[in-house]
Amino acid sequence: MKHGRRPTRAQKDIIKQNGLNPNNWLVSKNLQHERRLIIVHRYTGTVRKCLA
């Protein structure tokens, strides 16, 4: 799996809309054609998919 990167301001807004704290999540993949973000928790490594 790819390493996570710090989210941009727009990605942070998407993470907030999904009820998560953007400070604890890193963006693994940005799937623009599916309008989806795949994010990884900074400390636990949990993977989630967020709808944009």
Protein backbone atom coordinates (compact mmCIF):
# COMPACT_ATOMS: atom_id res chain seq x y z
CA MET A 1 0.00 0.00 0.00
CA LYS A 2 1.18 3.51 -0.72
CA HIS A 3 2.25 5.72 2.13
CA GLY A 4 -0.17 8.44 3.19
CA ARG A 5 0.32 12.11 2.41
CA ARG A 6 -0.93 15.18 4.20
CA PRO A 7 -4.37 16.23 2.95
CA THR A 8 -4.91 19.49 1.07
CA ARG A 9 -7.40 22.06 2.31
CA ALA A 10 -10.14 20.73 -0.01
CA GLN A 11 -9.43 17.15 1.11
CA LYS A 12 -9.62 18.25 4.75
CA ASP A 13 -13.10 19.63 4.08
CA ILE A 14 -14.17 16.27 2.62
CA ILE A 15 -12.78 14.43 5.66
CA LYS A 16 -14.66 16.82 7.99
CA GLN A 17 -17.91 16.24 6.06
CA ASN A 18 -17.52 12.52 6.74
CA GLY A 19 -17.36 13.18 10.49
CA LEU A 20 -13.64 12.58 10.95
CA ASN A 21 -10.83 14.71 12.36
CA PRO A 22 -8.56 15.68 9.43
CA ASN A 23 -5.55 16.00 11.74
CA ASN A 24 -5.58 12.24 12.31
CA TRP A 25 -5.92 11.08 8.70
CA LEU A 26 -3.53 10.88 5.73
CA VAL A 27 -4.59 10.58 2.08
CA SER A 28 -3.48 7.32 0.48
CA LYS A 29 -5.33 7.69 -2.85
CA ASN A 30 -7.36 10.46 -4.43
CA LEU A 31 -9.80 8.84 -6.88
CA GLN A 32 -11.26 11.85 -8.67
CA HIS A 33 -13.17 9.88 -11.31
CA GLU A 34 -15.03 7.97 -8.56
CA ARG A 35 -15.29 11.03 -6.29
CA ARG A 36 -13.68 9.10 -3.49
CA LEU A 37 -10.76 9.46 -1.08
CA ILE A 38 -8.95 6.52 0.46
CA ILE A 39 -7.50 7.65 3.76
CA VAL A 40 -5.28 5.99 6.37
CA HIS A 41 -5.32 6.79 10.08
CA ARG A 42 -2.09 8.45 11.13
CA TYR A 43 -1.53 6.31 14.25
CA THR A 44 -3.49 3.05 13.89
CA GLY A 45 -3.19 2.45 10.13
CA THR A 46 -6.95 1.96 9.71
CA VAL A 47 -8.08 2.41 6.09
CA ARG A 48 -11.35 4.19 5.21
CA LYS A 49 -13.07 5.29 2.03
CA CYS A 50 -14.70 8.73 2.01
CA LEU A 51 -17.19 9.96 -0.56
CA ALA A 52 -16.48 13.45 -1.84
